[in-house]
């Protein structure tokens, strides 16, 4: 069973007890989501591997393909979780810091270069809107970005983006499309872990 936090019970308890609800840390939420994704893929991997043989060669071939697909996604999800766990959380605060220190840190966050909304941030927002998959095809990512208003890196409007233009915008950040397997198809796409690694470094 997958538990989403905070749940309705947590919200009800906070309301009845008049608890203050602090704003959650996006980095911590990303770790939680990545861990849940790893657990889901582990369960899926066991389910596919545990399927009994039917004696049919076609069924065995299909089972092997499914096992390969899930295994690739599991490896990608595990790599993403490892990266998140090893990444320093920008602008995190110790529990015993005073209000003055917190205000100073928050001011530093606002002046941090990473606060600028780049094409990398826009891509990660698209991943988040799609449930934070480990990978997304170039075509699907471009389709989602086309729905955004404004300009992408002051070069093209988001509505005019194409997979080729997207690759040109992401190239300076070190994020490049690669061959990714989606089900039974291999398409050009982007790994979420690659985009996270391409985020401008936080100086705060």
C-alpha atoms as a PDB file:
ATOM      1  CA  UNK A   1       0.000   0.000   0.000  1.00  0.00           C
ATOM      2  CA  UNK A   2       1.324   3.440  -0.942  1.00  0.00           C
ATOM      3  CA  UNK A   3       0.914   6.128   1.697  1.00  0.00           C
ATOM      4  CA  UNK A   4       0.882   9.764   0.646  1.00  0.00           C
ATOM      5  CA  UNK A   5       2.086  12.280   3.199  1.00  0.00           C
ATOM      6  CA  UNK A   6       0.636  14.484   4.430  1.00  0.00           C
ATOM      7  CA  UNK A   7      -2.611  12.550   4.244  1.00  0.00           C
ATOM      8  CA  UNK A   8      -6.118  13.722   5.019  1.00  0.00           C
ATOM      9  CA  UNK A   9      -5.669  12.455   8.571  1.00  0.00           C
ATOM     10  CA  UNK A  10      -2.570  14.633   9.028  1.00  0.00           C
ATOM     11  CA  UNK A  11      -4.391  17.687   7.674  1.00  0.00           C
ATOM     12  CA  UNK A  12      -7.364  17.046   9.968  1.00  0.00           C
ATOM     13  CA  UNK A  13      -5.117  16.586  13.011  1.00  0.00           C
ATOM     14  CA  UNK A  14      -3.245  19.811  12.260  1.00  0.00           C
ATOM     15  CA  UNK A  15      -6.521  21.716  11.908  1.00  0.00           C
ATOM     16  CA  UNK A  16      -8.028  20.339  15.130  1.00  0.00           C
ATOM     17  CA  UNK A  17      -4.852  20.895  17.152  1.00  0.00           C
ATOM     18  CA  UNK A  18      -4.232  24.293  15.552  1.00  0.00           C
ATOM     19  CA  UNK A  19      -0.727  23.248  14.510  1.00  0.00           C
ATOM     20  CA  UNK A  20       1.344  25.509  12.318  1.00  0.00           C
ATOM     21  CA  UNK A  21       2.026  23.818   8.995  1.00  0.00           C
ATOM     22  CA  UNK A  22       5.523  24.772   7.813  1.00  0.00           C
ATOM     23  CA  UNK A  23       6.252  24.868   4.110  1.00  0.00           C
ATOM     24  CA  UNK A  24       7.824  21.610   3.022  1.00  0.00           C
ATOM     25  CA  UNK A  25      11.305  21.464   1.531  1.00  0.00           C
ATOM     26  CA  UNK A  26      11.089  20.571  -2.206  1.00  0.00           C
ATOM     27  CA  UNK A  27      14.375  18.669  -2.019  1.00  0.00           C
ATOM     28  CA  UNK A  28      13.094  16.483   0.797  1.00  0.00           C
ATOM     29  CA  UNK A  29       9.866  15.875  -1.122  1.00  0.00           C
ATOM     30  CA  UNK A  30      11.904  14.824  -4.169  1.00  0.00           C
ATOM     31  CA  UNK A  31      13.785  12.284  -2.029  1.00  0.00           C
ATOM     32  CA  UNK A  32      10.528  10.883  -0.675  1.00  0.00           C
ATOM     33  CA  UNK A  33       9.008  10.628  -4.159  1.00  0.00           C
ATOM     34  CA  UNK A  34      12.148   8.994  -5.561  1.00  0.00           C
ATOM     35  CA  UNK A  35      12.218   6.434  -2.749  1.00  0.00           C
ATOM     36  CA  UNK A  36       8.547   5.633  -3.304  1.00  0.00           C
ATOM     37  CA  UNK A  37       9.266   5.188  -7.021  1.00  0.00           C
ATOM     38  CA  UNK A  38      12.092   2.747  -6.214  1.00  0.00           C
ATOM     39  CA  UNK A  39       9.762   0.736  -3.968  1.00  0.00           C
ATOM     40  CA  UNK A  40       7.081   0.599  -6.652  1.00  0.00           C
ATOM     41  CA  UNK A  41       9.564  -0.597  -9.273  1.00  0.00           C
ATOM     42  CA  UNK A  42      10.984  -3.201  -6.875  1.00  0.00           C
ATOM     43  CA  UNK A  43       7.487  -4.599  -6.390  1.00  0.00           C
ATOM     44  CA  UNK A  44       6.850  -4.510 -10.136  1.00  0.00           C
ATOM     45  CA  UNK A  45      10.165  -6.235 -10.802  1.00  0.00           C
ATOM     46  CA  UNK A  46       9.315  -9.050  -8.386  1.00  0.00           C
ATOM     47  CA  UNK A  47       5.854  -9.420  -9.914  1.00  0.00           C
ATOM     48  CA  UNK A  48       7.227  -9.751 -13.450  1.00  0.00           C
ATOM     49  CA  UNK A  49      10.067 -12.064 -12.416  1.00  0.00           C
ATOM     50  CA  UNK A  50       7.697 -14.217 -10.364  1.00  0.00           C
ATOM     51  CA  UNK A  51       5.376 -14.907 -13.253  1.00  0.00           C
ATOM     52  CA  UNK A  52       5.362 -18.651 -13.846  1.00  0.00           C
ATOM     53  CA  UNK A  53       6.467 -19.998 -17.245  1.00  0.00           C
ATOM     54  CA  UNK A  54       3.649 -21.058 -19.566  1.00  0.00           C
ATOM     55  CA  UNK A  55       5.799 -23.127 -21.877  1.00  0.00           C
ATOM     56  CA  UNK A  56       5.030 -20.784 -24.766  1.00  0.00           C
ATOM     57  CA  UNK A  57       8.106 -19.256 -26.406  1.00  0.00           C
ATOM     58  CA  UNK A  58       6.236 -16.044 -27.277  1.00  0.00           C
ATOM     59  CA  UNK A  59       5.116 -15.596 -23.662  1.00  0.00           C
ATOM     60  CA  UNK A  60       8.651 -16.185 -22.406  1.00  0.00           C
ATOM     61  CA  UNK A  61      10.001 -13.592 -24.843  1.00  0.00           C
ATOM     62  CA  UNK A  62       7.379 -11.051 -23.746  1.00  0.00           C
ATOM     63  CA  UNK A  63       8.164 -11.699 -20.083  1.00  0.00           C
ATOM     64  CA  UNK A  64      11.869 -11.157 -20.758  1.00  0.00           C
ATOM     65  CA  UNK A  65      11.140  -7.841 -22.499  1.00  0.00           C
ATOM     66  CA  UNK A  66       8.958  -6.682 -19.604  1.00  0.00           C
ATOM     67  CA  UNK A  67      11.634  -7.690 -17.122  1.00  0.00           C
ATOM     68  CA  UNK A  68      14.268  -5.753 -19.079  1.00  0.00           C
ATOM     69  CA  UNK A  69      12.090  -2.638 -19.283  1.00  0.00           C
ATOM     70  CA  UNK A  70      11.307  -2.616 -15.565  1.00  0.00           C
ATOM     71  CA  UNK A  71      14.931  -3.342 -14.670  1.00  0.00           C
ATOM     72  CA  UNK A  72      16.134  -0.343 -16.706  1.00  0.00           C
ATOM     73  CA  UNK A  73      13.598   1.938 -15.022  1.00  0.00           C
ATOM     74  CA  UNK A  74      14.598   0.560 -11.612  1.00  0.00           C
ATOM     75  CA  UNK A  75      18.287   1.265 -12.265  1.00  0.00           C
ATOM     76  CA  UNK A  76      17.468   4.822 -13.378  1.00  0.00           C
ATOM     77  CA  UNK A  77      15.250   5.408 -10.351  1.00  0.00           C
ATOM     78  CA  UNK A  78      17.932   4.054  -8.029  1.00  0.00           C
ATOM     79  CA  UNK A  79      20.534   6.341  -9.575  1.00  0.00           C
ATOM     80  CA  UNK A  80      18.191   9.311  -9.146  1.00  0.00           C
ATOM     81  CA  UNK A  81      17.601   8.468  -5.479  1.00  0.00           C
ATOM     82  CA  UNK A  82      21.335   8.102  -4.875  1.00  0.00           C
ATOM     83  CA  UNK A  83      21.974  11.467  -6.515  1.00  0.00           C
ATOM     84  CA  UNK A  84      19.303  13.179  -4.433  1.00  0.00           C
ATOM     85  CA  UNK A  85      20.619  11.680  -1.210  1.00  0.00           C
ATOM     86  CA  UNK A  86      24.157  12.855  -1.978  1.00  0.00           C
ATOM     87  CA  UNK A  87      23.186  16.382  -3.068  1.00  0.00           C
ATOM     88  CA  UNK A  88      23.437  19.196  -0.574  1.00  0.00           C
ATOM     89  CA  UNK A  89      20.074  20.817   0.004  1.00  0.00           C
ATOM     90  CA  UNK A  90      20.175  24.462  -0.996  1.00  0.00           C
ATOM     91  CA  UNK A  91      19.242  26.909   1.742  1.00  0.00           C
ATOM     92  CA  UNK A  92      18.316  24.257   4.320  1.00  0.00           C
ATOM     93  CA  UNK A  93      18.072  25.390   7.919  1.00  0.00           C
ATOM     94  CA  UNK A  94      19.078  23.615  11.084  1.00  0.00           C
ATOM     95  CA  UNK A  95      16.269  23.124  13.562  1.00  0.00           C
ATOM     96  CA  UNK A  96      17.967  25.215  16.229  1.00  0.00           C
ATOM     97  CA  UNK A  97      18.722  28.274  14.083  1.00  0.00           C
ATOM     98  CA  UNK A  98      17.229  31.558  15.199  1.00  0.00           C
ATOM     99  CA  UNK A  99      14.819  33.701  13.236  1.00  0.00           C
ATOM    100  CA  UNK A 100      17.553  36.188  12.329  1.00  0.00           C
ATOM    101  CA  UNK A 101      19.710  33.454  10.803  1.00  0.00           C
ATOM    102  CA  UNK A 102      16.708  32.072   8.932  1.00  0.00           C
ATOM    103  CA  UNK A 103      15.833  35.474   7.487  1.00  0.00           C
ATOM    104  CA  UNK A 104      19.446  35.987   6.425  1.00  0.00           C
ATOM    105  CA  UNK A 105      19.540  32.591   4.716  1.00  0.00           C
ATOM    106  CA  UNK A 106      16.261  33.259   2.921  1.00  0.00           C
ATOM    107  CA  UNK A 107      17.637  36.568   1.637  1.00  0.00           C
ATOM    108  CA  UNK A 108      20.669  34.660   0.376  1.00  0.00           C
ATOM    109  CA  UNK A 109      18.363  32.226  -1.403  1.00  0.00           C
ATOM    110  CA  UNK A 110      16.643  35.020  -3.278  1.00  0.00           C
ATOM    111  CA  UNK A 111      19.990  36.311  -4.535  1.00  0.00           C
ATOM    112  CA  UNK A 112      21.236  32.833  -5.410  1.00  0.00           C
ATOM    113  CA  UNK A 113      21.916  32.351  -9.161  1.00  0.00           C
ATOM    114  CA  UNK A 114      19.905  29.136  -9.021  1.00  0.00           C
ATOM    115  CA  UNK A 115      16.801  31.220  -8.334  1.00  0.00           C
ATOM    116  CA  UNK A 116      16.770  32.275 -12.004  1.00  0.00           C
ATOM    117  CA  UNK A 117      14.200  30.213 -13.877  1.00  0.00           C
ATOM    118  CA  UNK A 118      16.186  28.621 -16.691  1.00  0.00           C
ATOM    119  CA  UNK A 119      15.143  26.150 -19.369  1.00  0.00           C
ATOM    120  CA  UNK A 120      16.441  23.437 -17.029  1.00  0.00           C
ATOM    121  CA  UNK A 121      13.984  24.550 -14.345  1.00  0.00           C
ATOM    122  CA  UNK A 122      11.186  24.578 -16.922  1.00  0.00           C
ATOM    123  CA  UNK A 123      12.032  21.008 -17.963  1.00  0.00           C
ATOM    124  CA  UNK A 124      12.062  19.818 -14.356  1.00  0.00           C
ATOM    125  CA  UNK A 125       8.700  21.518 -13.805  1.00  0.00           C
ATOM    126  CA  UNK A 126       7.373  19.532 -16.771  1.00  0.00           C
ATOM    127  CA  UNK A 127       8.756  16.331 -15.233  1.00  0.00           C
ATOM    128  CA  UNK A 128       7.081  17.197 -11.924  1.00  0.00           C
ATOM    129  CA  UNK A 129       3.742  17.842 -13.641  1.00  0.00           C
ATOM    130  CA  UNK A 130       4.024  14.383 -15.199  1.00  0.00           C
ATOM    131  CA  UNK A 131       4.694  12.671 -11.861  1.00  0.00           C
ATOM    132  CA  UNK A 132       8.500  12.941 -11.903  1.00  0.00           C
ATOM    133  CA  UNK A 133       9.290   9.965 -14.148  1.00  0.00           C
ATOM    134  CA  UNK A 134      12.913   8.850 -14.383  1.00  0.00           C
ATOM    135  CA  UNK A 135      12.950   9.784 -18.067  1.00  0.00           C
ATOM    136  CA  UNK A 136      10.825  11.585 -20.640  1.00  0.00           C
ATOM    137  CA  UNK A 137      11.031  11.465 -24.412  1.00  0.00           C
ATOM    138  CA  UNK A 138      12.181  14.597 -26.225  1.00  0.00           C
ATOM    139  CA  UNK A 139       8.852  14.801 -28.047  1.00  0.00           C
ATOM    140  CA  UNK A 140       6.744  14.558 -24.876  1.00  0.00           C
ATOM    141  CA  UNK A 141       8.922  17.040 -23.009  1.00  0.00           C
ATOM    142  CA  UNK A 142       8.745  19.509 -25.889  1.00  0.00           C
ATOM    143  CA  UNK A 143       4.954  19.161 -26.083  1.00  0.00           C
ATOM    144  CA  UNK A 144       4.632  20.080 -22.406  1.00  0.00           C
ATOM    145  CA  UNK A 145       7.017  23.020 -22.700  1.00  0.00           C
ATOM    146  CA  UNK A 146       5.063  24.408 -25.662  1.00  0.00           C
ATOM    147  CA  UNK A 147       2.168  25.058 -23.299  1.00  0.00           C
ATOM    148  CA  UNK A 148       4.218  27.580 -21.316  1.00  0.00           C
ATOM    149  CA  UNK A 149       3.971  31.334 -21.933  1.00  0.00           C
ATOM    150  CA  UNK A 150       6.936  33.587 -22.566  1.00  0.00           C
ATOM    151  CA  UNK A 151      10.400  33.021 -23.978  1.00  0.00           C
ATOM    152  CA  UNK A 152      12.804  30.140 -23.479  1.00  0.00           C
ATOM    153  CA  UNK A 153      16.287  31.491 -22.706  1.00  0.00           C
ATOM    154  CA  UNK A 154      15.360  34.656 -24.676  1.00  0.00           C
ATOM    155  CA  UNK A 155      15.814  32.770 -27.953  1.00  0.00           C
ATOM    156  CA  UNK A 156      12.471  31.226 -28.885  1.00  0.00           C
ATOM    157  CA  UNK A 157       9.009  31.372 -27.434  1.00  0.00           C
ATOM    158  CA  UNK A 158       8.022  28.187 -25.647  1.00  0.00           C
ATOM    159  CA  UNK A 159       5.230  27.737 -28.190  1.00  0.00           C
ATOM    160  CA  UNK A 160       7.846  27.556 -30.979  1.00  0.00           C
ATOM    161  CA  UNK A 161      10.036  24.918 -29.351  1.00  0.00           C
ATOM    162  CA  UNK A 162      10.986  21.735 -31.173  1.00  0.00           C
ATOM    163  CA  UNK A 163      13.086  18.799 -29.938  1.00  0.00           C
ATOM    164  CA  UNK A 164      16.052  20.200 -31.879  1.00  0.00           C
ATOM    165  CA  UNK A 165      15.674  23.690 -30.414  1.00  0.00           C
ATOM    166  CA  UNK A 166      15.265  22.226 -26.936  1.00  0.00           C
ATOM    167  CA  UNK A 167      18.515  20.298 -27.319  1.00  0.00           C
ATOM    168  CA  UNK A 168      20.290  23.515 -28.350  1.00  0.00           C
ATOM    169  CA  UNK A 169      18.956  25.365 -25.312  1.00  0.00           C
ATOM    170  CA  UNK A 170      19.973  22.602 -22.913  1.00  0.00           C
ATOM    171  CA  UNK A 171      23.413  21.977 -24.429  1.00  0.00           C
ATOM    172  CA  UNK A 172      25.136  24.869 -22.579  1.00  0.00           C
ATOM    173  CA  UNK A 173      23.969  23.328 -19.296  1.00  0.00           C
ATOM    174  CA  UNK A 174      25.470  19.953 -20.189  1.00  0.00           C
ATOM    175  CA  UNK A 175      22.107  18.195 -20.586  1.00  0.00           C
ATOM    176  CA  UNK A 176      21.843  16.255 -23.826  1.00  0.00           C
ATOM    177  CA  UNK A 177      19.264  13.817 -25.198  1.00  0.00           C
ATOM    178  CA  UNK A 178      20.137  10.153 -25.165  1.00  0.00           C
ATOM    179  CA  UNK A 179      18.600   6.892 -26.274  1.00  0.00           C
ATOM    180  CA  UNK A 180      16.077   5.832 -23.629  1.00  0.00           C
ATOM    181  CA  UNK A 181      13.843   2.782 -23.653  1.00  0.00           C
ATOM    182  CA  UNK A 182      10.138   3.493 -23.170  1.00  0.00           C
ATOM    183  CA  UNK A 183       8.258   0.210 -23.040  1.00  0.00           C
ATOM    184  CA  UNK A 184       9.045  -1.618 -26.271  1.00  0.00           C
ATOM    185  CA  UNK A 185      10.393   1.512 -27.977  1.00  0.00           C
ATOM    186  CA  UNK A 186      13.753   3.241 -27.813  1.00  0.00           C
ATOM    187  CA  UNK A 187      13.442   6.997 -28.227  1.00  0.00           C
ATOM    188  CA  UNK A 188      15.523  10.101 -27.776  1.00  0.00           C
ATOM    189  CA  UNK A 189      14.838  11.515 -24.358  1.00  0.00           C
ATOM    190  CA  UNK A 190      16.140  13.128 -21.196  1.00  0.00           C
ATOM    191  CA  UNK A 191      16.857  11.626 -17.798  1.00  0.00           C
ATOM    192  CA  UNK A 192      15.562  13.538 -14.824  1.00  0.00           C
ATOM    193  CA  UNK A 193      18.859  12.896 -13.055  1.00  0.00           C
ATOM    194  CA  UNK A 194      20.742  14.569 -15.923  1.00  0.00           C
ATOM    195  CA  UNK A 195      18.540  17.651 -15.703  1.00  0.00           C
ATOM    196  CA  UNK A 196      18.954  17.816 -11.931  1.00  0.00           C
ATOM    197  CA  UNK A 197      22.723  17.655 -12.379  1.00  0.00           C
ATOM    198  CA  UNK A 198      22.481  20.456 -14.965  1.00  0.00           C
ATOM    199  CA  UNK A 199      20.870  22.909 -12.549  1.00  0.00           C
ATOM    200  CA  UNK A 200      23.028  25.989 -11.971  1.00  0.00           C
ATOM    201  CA  UNK A 201      25.033  25.596  -8.785  1.00  0.00           C
ATOM    202  CA  UNK A 202      23.583  27.240  -5.716  1.00  0.00           C
ATOM    203  CA  UNK A 203      25.977  29.708  -4.136  1.00  0.00           C
ATOM    204  CA  UNK A 204      24.026  30.198  -0.927  1.00  0.00           C
END
